[in-house]
């Protein structure tokens, strides 16, 4: 079950939450990192921290992509 959670559910949740997030591009990657760091300490073991970093980078990538798409649409 943890394998499915880490590999499928978390990335989908991160993508959807980042896509629907606040207009500031840096807010959702920070929130993502904080939430998954807390999950690392409370639910999972220390090896999950690498996934917290990966999900934050995924969120950052989606945020910046959405920022540039919005900027190009408004021009």
PDB file of N, CA and C in Angstrom:
ATOM      1  N   UNK A   1       0.819  -1.197   0.000  1.00  0.00           N
ATOM      2  CA  UNK A   1       0.000   0.000   0.000  1.00  0.00           C
ATOM      3  C   UNK A   1       0.864   1.263   0.000  1.00  0.00           C
ATOM      4  N   UNK A   2       1.955   1.239   0.748  1.00  0.00           N
ATOM      5  CA  UNK A   2       2.835   2.406   0.776  1.00  0.00           C
ATOM      6  C   UNK A   2       3.454   2.661  -0.592  1.00  0.00           C
ATOM      7  N   UNK A   3       3.739   1.603  -1.313  1.00  0.00           N
ATOM      8  CA  UNK A   3       4.316   1.740  -2.643  1.00  0.00           C
ATOM      9  C   UNK A   3       3.369   2.490  -3.567  1.00  0.00           C
ATOM     10  N   UNK A   4       2.094   2.118  -3.548  1.00  0.00           N
ATOM     11  CA  UNK A   4       1.091   2.813  -4.367  1.00  0.00           C
ATOM     12  C   UNK A   4       0.934   4.264  -3.929  1.00  0.00           C
ATOM     13  N   UNK A   5       0.970   4.495  -2.635  1.00  0.00           N
ATOM     14  CA  UNK A   5       0.841   5.850  -2.103  1.00  0.00           C
ATOM     15  C   UNK A   5       1.993   6.727  -2.582  1.00  0.00           C
ATOM     16  N   UNK A   6       3.202   6.223  -2.484  1.00  0.00           N
ATOM     17  CA  UNK A   6       4.384   7.012  -2.832  1.00  0.00           C
ATOM     18  C   UNK A   6       4.516   7.192  -4.336  1.00  0.00           C
ATOM     19  N   UNK A   7       4.198   6.178  -5.092  1.00  0.00           N
ATOM     20  CA  UNK A   7       4.462   6.219  -6.522  1.00  0.00           C
ATOM     21  C   UNK A   7       3.324   6.796  -7.357  1.00  0.00           C
ATOM     22  N   UNK A   8       2.082   6.671  -6.897  1.00  0.00           N
ATOM     23  CA  UNK A   8       0.964   7.108  -7.712  1.00  0.00           C
ATOM     24  C   UNK A   8       0.113   8.203  -7.066  1.00  0.00           C
ATOM     25  N   UNK A   9      -0.281   8.002  -5.843  1.00  0.00           N
ATOM     26  CA  UNK A   9      -1.236   8.915  -5.200  1.00  0.00           C
ATOM     27  C   UNK A   9      -0.593  10.261  -4.876  1.00  0.00           C
ATOM     28  N   UNK A  10       0.574  10.254  -4.263  1.00  0.00           N
ATOM     29  CA  UNK A  10       1.235  11.515  -3.902  1.00  0.00           C
ATOM     30  C   UNK A  10       1.555  12.397  -5.109  1.00  0.00           C
ATOM     31  N   UNK A  11       2.130  11.867  -6.184  1.00  0.00           N
ATOM     32  CA  UNK A  11       2.389  12.748  -7.328  1.00  0.00           C
ATOM     33  C   UNK A  11       1.122  13.333  -7.942  1.00  0.00           C
ATOM     34  N   UNK A  12       0.059  12.545  -7.992  1.00  0.00           N
ATOM     35  CA  UNK A  12      -1.199  13.061  -8.539  1.00  0.00           C
ATOM     36  C   UNK A  12      -1.756  14.165  -7.657  1.00  0.00           C
ATOM     37  N   UNK A  13      -1.698  13.974  -6.350  1.00  0.00           N
ATOM     38  CA  UNK A  13      -2.176  15.001  -5.420  1.00  0.00           C
ATOM     39  C   UNK A  13      -1.325  16.261  -5.531  1.00  0.00           C
ATOM     40  N   UNK A  14      -0.016  16.101  -5.636  1.00  0.00           N
ATOM     41  CA  UNK A  14       0.880  17.259  -5.768  1.00  0.00           C
ATOM     42  C   UNK A  14       0.597  18.013  -7.065  1.00  0.00           C
ATOM     43  N   UNK A  15       0.426  17.285  -8.153  1.00  0.00           N
ATOM     44  CA  UNK A  15       0.135  17.941  -9.431  1.00  0.00           C
ATOM     45  C   UNK A  15      -1.182  18.708  -9.389  1.00  0.00           C
ATOM     46  N   UNK A  16      -2.218  18.085  -8.863  1.00  0.00           N
ATOM     47  CA  UNK A  16      -3.523  18.756  -8.800  1.00  0.00           C
ATOM     48  C   UNK A  16      -3.512  19.952  -7.850  1.00  0.00           C
ATOM     49  N   UNK A  17      -2.894  19.782  -6.702  1.00  0.00           N
ATOM     50  CA  UNK A  17      -2.852  20.879  -5.732  1.00  0.00           C
ATOM     51  C   UNK A  17      -2.029  22.047  -6.255  1.00  0.00           C
ATOM     52  N   UNK A  18      -0.939  21.755  -6.926  1.00  0.00           N
ATOM     53  CA  UNK A  18      -0.106  22.822  -7.467  1.00  0.00           C
ATOM     54  C   UNK A  18      -0.820  23.536  -8.605  1.00  0.00           C
ATOM     55  N   UNK A  19      -1.512  22.782  -9.408  1.00  0.00           N
ATOM     56  CA  UNK A  19      -2.242  23.364 -10.546  1.00  0.00           C
ATOM     57  C   UNK A  19      -3.346  24.306 -10.070  1.00  0.00           C
ATOM     58  N   UNK A  20      -3.979  23.984  -8.963  1.00  0.00           N
ATOM     59  CA  UNK A  20      -5.095  24.774  -8.449  1.00  0.00           C
ATOM     60  C   UNK A  20      -4.690  25.731  -7.340  1.00  0.00           C
ATOM     61  N   UNK A  21      -3.410  25.932  -7.163  1.00  0.00           N
ATOM     62  CA  UNK A  21      -2.929  26.685  -6.004  1.00  0.00           C
ATOM     63  C   UNK A  21      -2.993  28.197  -6.203  1.00  0.00           C
ATOM     64  N   UNK A  22      -2.398  28.868  -5.264  1.00  0.00           N
ATOM     65  CA  UNK A  22      -2.368  30.316  -5.205  1.00  0.00           C
ATOM     66  C   UNK A  22      -1.587  30.875  -6.390  1.00  0.00           C
ATOM     67  N   UNK A  23      -1.770  32.147  -6.679  1.00  0.00           N
ATOM     68  CA  UNK A  23      -1.103  32.756  -7.826  1.00  0.00           C
ATOM     69  C   UNK A  23       0.398  32.936  -7.634  1.00  0.00           C
ATOM     70  N   UNK A  24       0.865  32.938  -6.415  1.00  0.00           N
ATOM     71  CA  UNK A  24       2.309  33.052  -6.170  1.00  0.00           C
ATOM     72  C   UNK A  24       2.966  31.704  -6.471  1.00  0.00           C
ATOM     73  N   UNK A  25       3.952  31.681  -7.325  1.00  0.00           N
ATOM     74  CA  UNK A  25       4.541  30.438  -7.802  1.00  0.00           C
ATOM     75  C   UNK A  25       5.333  29.687  -6.743  1.00  0.00           C
ATOM     76  N   UNK A  26       5.809  30.362  -5.708  1.00  0.00           N
ATOM     77  CA  UNK A  26       6.683  29.731  -4.727  1.00  0.00           C
ATOM     78  C   UNK A  26       5.944  29.181  -3.510  1.00  0.00           C
ATOM     79  N   UNK A  27       4.663  29.464  -3.384  1.00  0.00           N
ATOM     80  CA  UNK A  27       3.922  29.054  -2.184  1.00  0.00           C
ATOM     81  C   UNK A  27       3.721  27.539  -2.139  1.00  0.00           C
ATOM     82  N   UNK A  28       3.239  26.965  -3.208  1.00  0.00           N
ATOM     83  CA  UNK A  28       2.914  25.539  -3.189  1.00  0.00           C
ATOM     84  C   UNK A  28       4.135  24.632  -3.066  1.00  0.00           C
ATOM     85  N   UNK A  29       5.271  24.924  -3.690  1.00  0.00           N
ATOM     86  CA  UNK A  29       6.452  24.071  -3.425  1.00  0.00           C
ATOM     87  C   UNK A  29       6.893  24.096  -1.963  1.00  0.00           C
ATOM     88  N   UNK A  30       6.781  25.250  -1.326  1.00  0.00           N
ATOM     89  CA  UNK A  30       7.144  25.341   0.092  1.00  0.00           C
ATOM     90  C   UNK A  30       6.165  24.548   0.949  1.00  0.00           C
ATOM     91  N   UNK A  31       4.875  24.698   0.665  1.00  0.00           N
ATOM     92  CA  UNK A  31       3.852  23.953   1.415  1.00  0.00           C
ATOM     93  C   UNK A  31       4.027  22.454   1.191  1.00  0.00           C
ATOM     94  N   UNK A  32       4.304  22.068  -0.040  1.00  0.00           N
ATOM     95  CA  UNK A  32       4.529  20.656  -0.349  1.00  0.00           C
ATOM     96  C   UNK A  32       5.700  20.102   0.446  1.00  0.00           C
ATOM     97  N   UNK A  33       6.800  20.842   0.486  1.00  0.00           N
ATOM     98  CA  UNK A  33       7.962  20.370   1.227  1.00  0.00           C
ATOM     99  C   UNK A  33       7.657  20.253   2.720  1.00  0.00           C
ATOM    100  N   UNK A  34       6.977  21.229   3.280  1.00  0.00           N
ATOM    101  CA  UNK A  34       6.664  21.193   4.709  1.00  0.00           C
ATOM    102  C   UNK A  34       5.756  20.015   5.038  1.00  0.00           C
ATOM    103  N   UNK A  35       4.722  19.805   4.225  1.00  0.00           N
ATOM    104  CA  UNK A  35       3.784  18.704   4.490  1.00  0.00           C
ATOM    105  C   UNK A  35       4.485  17.357   4.397  1.00  0.00           C
ATOM    106  N   UNK A  36       5.273  17.153   3.354  1.00  0.00           N
ATOM    107  CA  UNK A  36       5.944  15.862   3.213  1.00  0.00           C
ATOM    108  C   UNK A  36       7.084  15.688   4.208  1.00  0.00           C
ATOM    109  N   UNK A  37       7.703  16.753   4.666  1.00  0.00           N
ATOM    110  CA  UNK A  37       8.712  16.636   5.726  1.00  0.00           C
ATOM    111  C   UNK A  37       8.052  16.215   7.039  1.00  0.00           C
ATOM    112  N   UNK A  38       6.884  16.756   7.305  1.00  0.00           N
ATOM    113  CA  UNK A  38       6.136  16.339   8.503  1.00  0.00           C
ATOM    114  C   UNK A  38       5.717  14.875   8.379  1.00  0.00           C
ATOM    115  N   UNK A  39       5.268  14.476   7.187  1.00  0.00           N
ATOM    116  CA  UNK A  39       4.926  13.062   6.979  1.00  0.00           C
ATOM    117  C   UNK A  39       6.144  12.164   7.141  1.00  0.00           C
ATOM    118  N   UNK A  40       7.313  12.646   6.758  1.00  0.00           N
ATOM    119  CA  UNK A  40       8.536  11.873   6.926  1.00  0.00           C
ATOM    120  C   UNK A  40       8.787  11.586   8.399  1.00  0.00           C
ATOM    121  N   UNK A  41       8.596  12.581   9.237  1.00  0.00           N
ATOM    122  CA  UNK A  41       8.878  12.428  10.666  1.00  0.00           C
ATOM    123  C   UNK A  41       7.795  11.626  11.368  1.00  0.00           C
ATOM    124  N   UNK A  42       6.538  11.845  10.988  1.00  0.00           N
ATOM    125  CA  UNK A  42       5.446  11.239  11.741  1.00  0.00           C
ATOM    126  C   UNK A  42       5.012   9.871  11.221  1.00  0.00           C
ATOM    127  N   UNK A  43       4.897   9.707   9.920  1.00  0.00           N
ATOM    128  CA  UNK A  43       4.321   8.482   9.368  1.00  0.00           C
ATOM    129  C   UNK A  43       5.377   7.547   8.796  1.00  0.00           C
ATOM    130  N   UNK A  44       6.267   8.074   7.986  1.00  0.00           N
ATOM    131  CA  UNK A  44       7.250   7.247   7.296  1.00  0.00           C
ATOM    132  C   UNK A  44       8.594   7.318   8.009  1.00  0.00           C
ATOM    133  N   UNK A  45       9.587   6.636   7.445  1.00  0.00           N
ATOM    134  CA  UNK A  45      10.928   6.708   8.016  1.00  0.00           C
ATOM    135  C   UNK A  45      11.751   7.764   7.276  1.00  0.00           C
ATOM    136  N   UNK A  46      12.988   7.901   7.648  1.00  0.00           N
ATOM    137  CA  UNK A  46      13.843   8.971   7.135  1.00  0.00           C
ATOM    138  C   UNK A  46      14.094   8.830   5.630  1.00  0.00           C
ATOM    139  N   UNK A  47      14.019   7.643   5.105  1.00  0.00           N
ATOM    140  CA  UNK A  47      14.268   7.458   3.672  1.00  0.00           C
ATOM    141  C   UNK A  47      13.176   8.096   2.810  1.00  0.00           C
ATOM    142  N   UNK A  48      12.029   8.414   3.382  1.00  0.00           N
ATOM    143  CA  UNK A  48      10.967   9.082   2.634  1.00  0.00           C
ATOM    144  C   UNK A  48      11.327  10.536   2.349  1.00  0.00           C
ATOM    145  N   UNK A  49      12.329  11.065   3.045  1.00  0.00           N
ATOM    146  CA  UNK A  49      12.710  12.462   2.851  1.00  0.00           C
ATOM    147  C   UNK A  49      13.143  12.734   1.417  1.00  0.00           C
ATOM    148  N   UNK A  50      13.757  11.761   0.751  1.00  0.00           N
ATOM    149  CA  UNK A  50      14.142  11.951  -0.649  1.00  0.00           C
ATOM    150  C   UNK A  50      12.904  12.150  -1.510  1.00  0.00           C
ATOM    151  N   UNK A  51      11.805  11.481  -1.168  1.00  0.00           N
ATOM    152  CA  UNK A  51      10.547  11.683  -1.900  1.00  0.00           C
ATOM    153  C   UNK A  51       9.975  13.059  -1.604  1.00  0.00           C
ATOM    154  N   UNK A  52      10.150  13.544  -0.399  1.00  0.00           N
ATOM    155  CA  UNK A  52       9.692  14.899  -0.075  1.00  0.00           C
ATOM    156  C   UNK A  52      10.398  15.928  -0.943  1.00  0.00           C
ATOM    157  N   UNK A  53      11.681  15.741  -1.156  1.00  0.00           N
ATOM    158  CA  UNK A  53      12.442  16.642  -2.023  1.00  0.00           C
ATOM    159  C   UNK A  53      11.973  16.504  -3.467  1.00  0.00           C
ATOM    160  N   UNK A  54      11.758  15.276  -3.921  1.00  0.00           N
ATOM    161  CA  UNK A  54      11.312  15.047  -5.302  1.00  0.00           C
ATOM    162  C   UNK A  54       9.928  15.655  -5.549  1.00  0.00           C
ATOM    163  N   UNK A  55       9.021  15.504  -4.605  1.00  0.00           N
ATOM    164  CA  UNK A  55       7.682  16.084  -4.768  1.00  0.00           C
ATOM    165  C   UNK A  55       7.736  17.603  -4.749  1.00  0.00           C
ATOM    166  N   UNK A  56       8.637  18.166  -3.969  1.00  0.00           N
ATOM    167  CA  UNK A  56       8.797  19.621  -3.962  1.00  0.00           C
ATOM    168  C   UNK A  56       9.344  20.117  -5.297  1.00  0.00           C
ATOM    169  N   UNK A  57      10.285  19.389  -5.857  1.00  0.00           N
ATOM    170  CA  UNK A  57      10.800  19.756  -7.182  1.00  0.00           C
ATOM    171  C   UNK A  57       9.723  19.611  -8.259  1.00  0.00           C
ATOM    172  N   UNK A  58       8.909  18.589  -8.153  1.00  0.00           N
ATOM    173  CA  UNK A  58       7.787  18.426  -9.080  1.00  0.00           C
ATOM    174  C   UNK A  58       6.823  19.595  -8.955  1.00  0.00           C
ATOM    175  N   UNK A  59       6.524  19.979  -7.747  1.00  0.00           N
ATOM    176  CA  UNK A  59       5.634  21.110  -7.519  1.00  0.00           C
ATOM    177  C   UNK A  59       6.239  22.408  -8.039  1.00  0.00           C
ATOM    178  N   UNK A  60       7.519  22.589  -7.846  1.00  0.00           N
ATOM    179  CA  UNK A  60       8.203  23.777  -8.357  1.00  0.00           C
ATOM    180  C   UNK A  60       8.156  23.819  -9.880  1.00  0.00           C
ATOM    181  N   UNK A  61       8.370  22.690 -10.509  1.00  0.00           N
ATOM    182  CA  UNK A  61       8.326  22.616 -11.969  1.00  0.00           C
ATOM    183  C   UNK A  61       6.938  22.968 -12.495  1.00  0.00           C
ATOM    184  N   UNK A  62       5.915  22.412 -11.886  1.00  0.00           N
ATOM    185  CA  UNK A  62       4.547  22.702 -12.322  1.00  0.00           C
ATOM    186  C   UNK A  62       4.203  24.164 -12.060  1.00  0.00           C
ATOM    187  N   UNK A  63       4.623  24.694 -10.931  1.00  0.00           N
ATOM    188  CA  UNK A  63       4.337  26.098 -10.613  1.00  0.00           C
ATOM    189  C   UNK A  63       4.976  27.050 -11.615  1.00  0.00           C
ATOM    190  N   UNK A  64       6.230  26.805 -11.932  1.00  0.00           N
ATOM    191  CA  UNK A  64       6.909  27.675 -12.891  1.00  0.00           C
ATOM    192  C   UNK A  64       6.329  27.522 -14.294  1.00  0.00           C
ATOM    193  N   UNK A  65       5.954  26.326 -14.664  1.00  0.00           N
ATOM    194  CA  UNK A  65       5.317  26.110 -15.961  1.00  0.00           C
ATOM    195  C   UNK A  65       4.001  26.867 -16.048  1.00  0.00           C
ATOM    196  N   UNK A  66       3.209  26.788 -15.006  1.00  0.00           N
ATOM    197  CA  UNK A  66       1.927  27.503 -14.994  1.00  0.00           C
ATOM    198  C   UNK A  66       2.148  29.015 -14.993  1.00  0.00           C
ATOM    199  N   UNK A  67       3.180  29.479 -14.307  1.00  0.00           N
ATOM    200  CA  UNK A  67       3.475  30.905 -14.286  1.00  0.00           C
ATOM    201  C   UNK A  67       3.801  31.412 -15.687  1.00  0.00           C
ATOM    202  N   UNK A  68       4.648  30.694 -16.403  1.00  0.00           N
ATOM    203  CA  UNK A  68       5.025  31.121 -17.747  1.00  0.00           C
ATOM    204  C   UNK A  68       3.885  30.964 -18.738  1.00  0.00           C
ATOM    205  N   UNK A  69       3.055  29.967 -18.552  1.00  0.00           N
ATOM    206  CA  UNK A  69       1.877  29.824 -19.421  1.00  0.00           C
ATOM    207  C   UNK A  69       0.917  30.981 -19.222  1.00  0.00           C
ATOM    208  N   UNK A  70       0.687  31.335 -17.960  1.00  0.00           N
ATOM    209  CA  UNK A  70      -0.218  32.471 -17.683  1.00  0.00           C
ATOM    210  C   UNK A  70       0.336  33.764 -18.232  1.00  0.00           C
ATOM    211  N   UNK A  71       1.649  33.943 -18.137  1.00  0.00           N
ATOM    212  CA  UNK A  71       2.268  35.167 -18.633  1.00  0.00           C
ATOM    213  C   UNK A  71       2.142  35.251 -20.159  1.00  0.00           C
ATOM    214  N   UNK A  72       2.342  34.141 -20.854  1.00  0.00           N
ATOM    215  CA  UNK A  72       2.246  34.132 -22.311  1.00  0.00           C
ATOM    216  C   UNK A  72       0.826  34.296 -22.791  1.00  0.00           C
ATOM    217  N   UNK A  73      -0.147  33.830 -22.043  1.00  0.00           N
ATOM    218  CA  UNK A  73      -1.550  33.993 -22.421  1.00  0.00           C
ATOM    219  C   UNK A  73      -1.970  35.447 -22.268  1.00  0.00           C
ATOM    220  N   UNK A  74      -1.466  36.117 -21.243  1.00  0.00           N
ATOM    221  CA  UNK A  74      -1.857  37.499 -20.975  1.00  0.00           C
ATOM    222  C   UNK A  74      -1.200  38.497 -21.912  1.00  0.00           C
ATOM    223  N   UNK A  75      -0.159  38.117 -22.629  1.00  0.00           N
ATOM    224  CA  UNK A  75       0.552  39.038 -23.512  1.00  0.00           C
ATOM    225  C   UNK A  75      -0.213  39.277 -24.773  1.00  0.00           C
TER     226      UNK A  75
END
